[in-house]
C-alpha atoms as a PDB file:
ATOM      1  CA  MET A   1      10.038   8.319  10.476  1.00  0.00           C
ATOM      2  CA  SER A   2       7.145   7.342   9.726  1.00  0.00           C
ATOM      3  CA  ALA A   3       7.572   7.559   6.039  1.00  0.00           C
ATOM      4  CA  ALA A   4      10.589   5.453   5.883  1.00  0.00           C
ATOM      5  CA  ASP A   5       8.805   3.417   8.286  1.00  0.00           C
ATOM      6  CA  LYS A   6       5.937   2.232   5.346  1.00  0.00           C
ATOM      7  CA  LEU A   7       8.782   2.319   2.618  1.00  0.00           C
ATOM      8  CA  HIS A   8      10.203  -0.672   5.053  1.00  0.00           C
ATOM      9  CA  ASN A   9       6.807  -2.443   5.136  1.00  0.00           C
ATOM     10  CA  ALA A  10       5.760  -1.283   1.634  1.00  0.00           C
ATOM     11  CA  ARG A  11       9.159  -3.286   0.537  1.00  0.00           C
ATOM     12  CA  ALA A  12       8.332  -6.471   2.360  1.00  0.00           C
ATOM     13  CA  ILE A  13       4.533  -6.537   0.932  1.00  0.00           C
ATOM     14  CA  LEU A  14       6.175  -5.965  -2.373  1.00  0.00           C
ATOM     15  CA  ARG A  15       8.581  -8.967  -1.410  1.00  0.00           C
ATOM     16  CA  ASP A  16       5.927 -11.478  -0.019  1.00  0.00           C
ATOM     17  CA  TYR A  17       3.763 -10.209  -2.643  1.00  0.00           C
ATOM     18  CA  ARG A  18       6.081 -11.685  -5.572  1.00  0.00           C
ATOM     19  CA  ALA A  19       6.858 -14.568  -3.034  1.00  0.00           C
ATOM     20  CA  HIS A  20       3.407 -15.843  -1.924  1.00  0.00           C
ATOM     21  CA  GLY A  21       0.784 -13.891  -4.515  1.00  0.00           C
ATOM     22  CA  ASP A  22      -2.840 -12.673  -2.949  1.00  0.00           C
ATOM     23  CA  GLU A  23      -1.775 -15.090  -0.374  1.00  0.00           C
ATOM     24  CA  LEU A  24      -0.031 -12.172   0.986  1.00  0.00           C
ATOM     25  CA  PHE A  25      -3.283 -10.061   2.208  1.00  0.00           C
ATOM     26  CA  ASP A  26      -5.272 -13.049   4.359  1.00  0.00           C
ATOM     27  CA  ARG A  27      -1.981 -13.087   5.794  1.00  0.00           C
ATOM     28  CA  PHE A  28      -1.456  -9.720   5.859  1.00  0.00           C
ATOM     29  CA  ASP A  29      -4.309  -7.836   7.281  1.00  0.00           C
ATOM     30  CA  PRO A  30      -7.717 -10.180   6.709  1.00  0.00           C
ATOM     31  CA  GLU A  31     -10.150  -7.800   7.206  1.00  0.00           C
ATOM     32  CA  ALA A  32      -8.780  -5.238   4.646  1.00  0.00           C
ATOM     33  CA  GLY A  33      -7.439  -7.523   1.795  1.00  0.00           C
ATOM     34  CA  LYS A  34      -5.725  -6.483  -1.088  1.00  0.00           C
ATOM     35  CA  THR A  35      -7.864  -4.037  -1.249  1.00  0.00           C
ATOM     36  CA  GLY A  36      -7.992  -2.479   1.750  1.00  0.00           C
ATOM     37  CA  VAL A  37      -3.880  -3.247   2.148  1.00  0.00           C
ATOM     38  CA  ILE A  38      -3.089  -1.712  -1.172  1.00  0.00           C
ATOM     39  CA  GLY A  39      -5.246   1.416  -0.982  1.00  0.00           C
ATOM     40  CA  TYR A  40      -3.736   1.916   2.382  1.00  0.00           C
ATOM     41  CA  TYR A  41      -0.218   2.240   0.971  1.00  0.00           C
ATOM     42  CA  ARG A  42      -1.862   4.605  -1.776  1.00  0.00           C
ATOM     43  CA  GLY A  43      -3.190   7.210   0.679  1.00  0.00           C
ATOM     44  CA  LEU A  44      -0.428   7.278   2.580  1.00  0.00           C
ATOM     45  CA  VAL A  45       2.163   8.072  -0.384  1.00  0.00           C
ATOM     46  CA  ASP A  46      -0.522  10.979  -1.195  1.00  0.00           C
ATOM     47  CA  ALA A  47      -0.750  12.327   2.124  1.00  0.00           C
ATOM     48  CA  PHE A  48       3.033  12.417   2.610  1.00  0.00           C
ATOM     49  CA  GLN A  49       2.820  14.128  -0.949  1.00  0.00           C
ATOM     50  CA  ARG A  50       0.495  16.362   0.134  1.00  0.00           C
ATOM     51  CA  ALA A  51       2.080  17.133   3.194  1.00  0.00           C
ATOM     52  CA  GLY A  52       5.645  18.223   0.923  1.00  0.00           C
ATOM     53  CA  HIS A  53       8.190  16.315   3.756  1.00  0.00           C
ATOM     54  CA  HIS A  54      10.880  14.408   2.906  1.00  0.00           C
ATOM     55  CA  PRO A  55       9.929  13.766  -1.184  1.00  0.00           C
ATOM     56  CA  LEU A  56      12.864  11.726  -2.298  1.00  0.00           C
ATOM     57  CA  LEU A  57      11.870   9.341   0.436  1.00  0.00           C
ATOM     58  CA  ILE A  58       8.007   9.544  -0.461  1.00  0.00           C
ATOM     59  CA  GLN A  59       8.849   9.518  -4.417  1.00  0.00           C
ATOM     60  CA  GLU A  60      10.553   6.023  -3.431  1.00  0.00           C
ATOM     61  CA  LEU A  61       7.025   5.208  -1.397  1.00  0.00           C
ATOM     62  CA  ASP A  62       5.464   6.143  -4.562  1.00  0.00           C
ATOM     63  CA  ALA A  63       7.693   3.797  -6.682  1.00  0.00           C
ATOM     64  CA  VAL A  64       7.206   0.704  -4.724  1.00  0.00           C
ATOM     65  CA  VAL A  65       3.215   1.477  -4.024  1.00  0.00           C
ATOM     66  CA  SER A  66       2.878   1.207  -7.908  1.00  0.00           C
ATOM     67  CA  GLN A  67       4.932  -1.776  -8.105  1.00  0.00           C
ATOM     68  CA  ILE A  68       2.584  -3.588  -5.861  1.00  0.00           C
ATOM     69  CA  GLU A  69      -0.007  -2.227  -7.861  1.00  0.00           C
ATOM     70  CA  VAL A  70       1.181  -3.635 -10.998  1.00  0.00           C
ATOM     71  CA  ILE A  71       2.309  -6.936  -9.904  1.00  0.00           C
ATOM     72  CA  ALA A  72      -1.137  -7.429  -7.685  1.00  0.00           C
ATOM     73  CA  THR A  73      -3.270  -5.801 -10.641  1.00  0.00           C
ATOM     74  CA  PHE A  74      -4.998  -3.586  -8.301  1.00  0.00           C
ATOM     75  CA  LYS A  75      -4.724   0.432  -8.319  1.00  0.00           C
ATOM     76  CA  GLY A  76      -5.331   1.094  -4.711  1.00  0.00           C
ATOM     77  CA  VAL A  77      -7.333   4.369  -3.742  1.00  0.00           C
ATOM     78  CA  TRP A  78      -8.110   5.713   0.099  1.00  0.00           C
ATOM     79  CA  PRO A  79     -10.531   6.144   0.949  1.00  0.00           C
ATOM     80  CA  LEU A  80     -12.064   3.296  -0.218  1.00  0.00           C
ATOM     81  CA  PRO A  81     -15.077   2.994  -1.887  1.00  0.00           C
ATOM     82  CA  LEU A  82     -18.521   1.998   0.664  1.00  0.00           C
ATOM     83  CA  ALA A  83     -18.839  -0.670  -1.845  1.00  0.00           C
ATOM     84  CA  GLU A  84     -15.568  -1.986  -1.309  1.00  0.00           C
ATOM     85  CA  ALA A  85     -14.847  -1.071   2.574  1.00  0.00           C
ATOM     86  CA  PRO A  86     -14.081  -4.212   5.196  1.00  0.00           C
ATOM     87  CA  PRO A  87     -16.735  -4.420   7.919  1.00  0.00           C
ATOM     88  CA  ASN A  88     -16.400  -3.145  11.219  1.00  0.00           C
END
């Protein structure tokens, strides 16, 4: 169920990014910003893939996150490098 929810959220991020560009991340999660949001979703894909559950669902999530990375011109990583981590 968590993966389906994350897929829904990632699709919404992709749709909103197409409409609003980088300002989306300031509205979606101002503390995390683009680096944190995309990194978080890339980390989710990696974790779900390691768990091995629902491979088709995770493949779709991976495709959506990859689309976000392409249009946002940022390849997500998780955990975030310390220099890029948002302040606590």
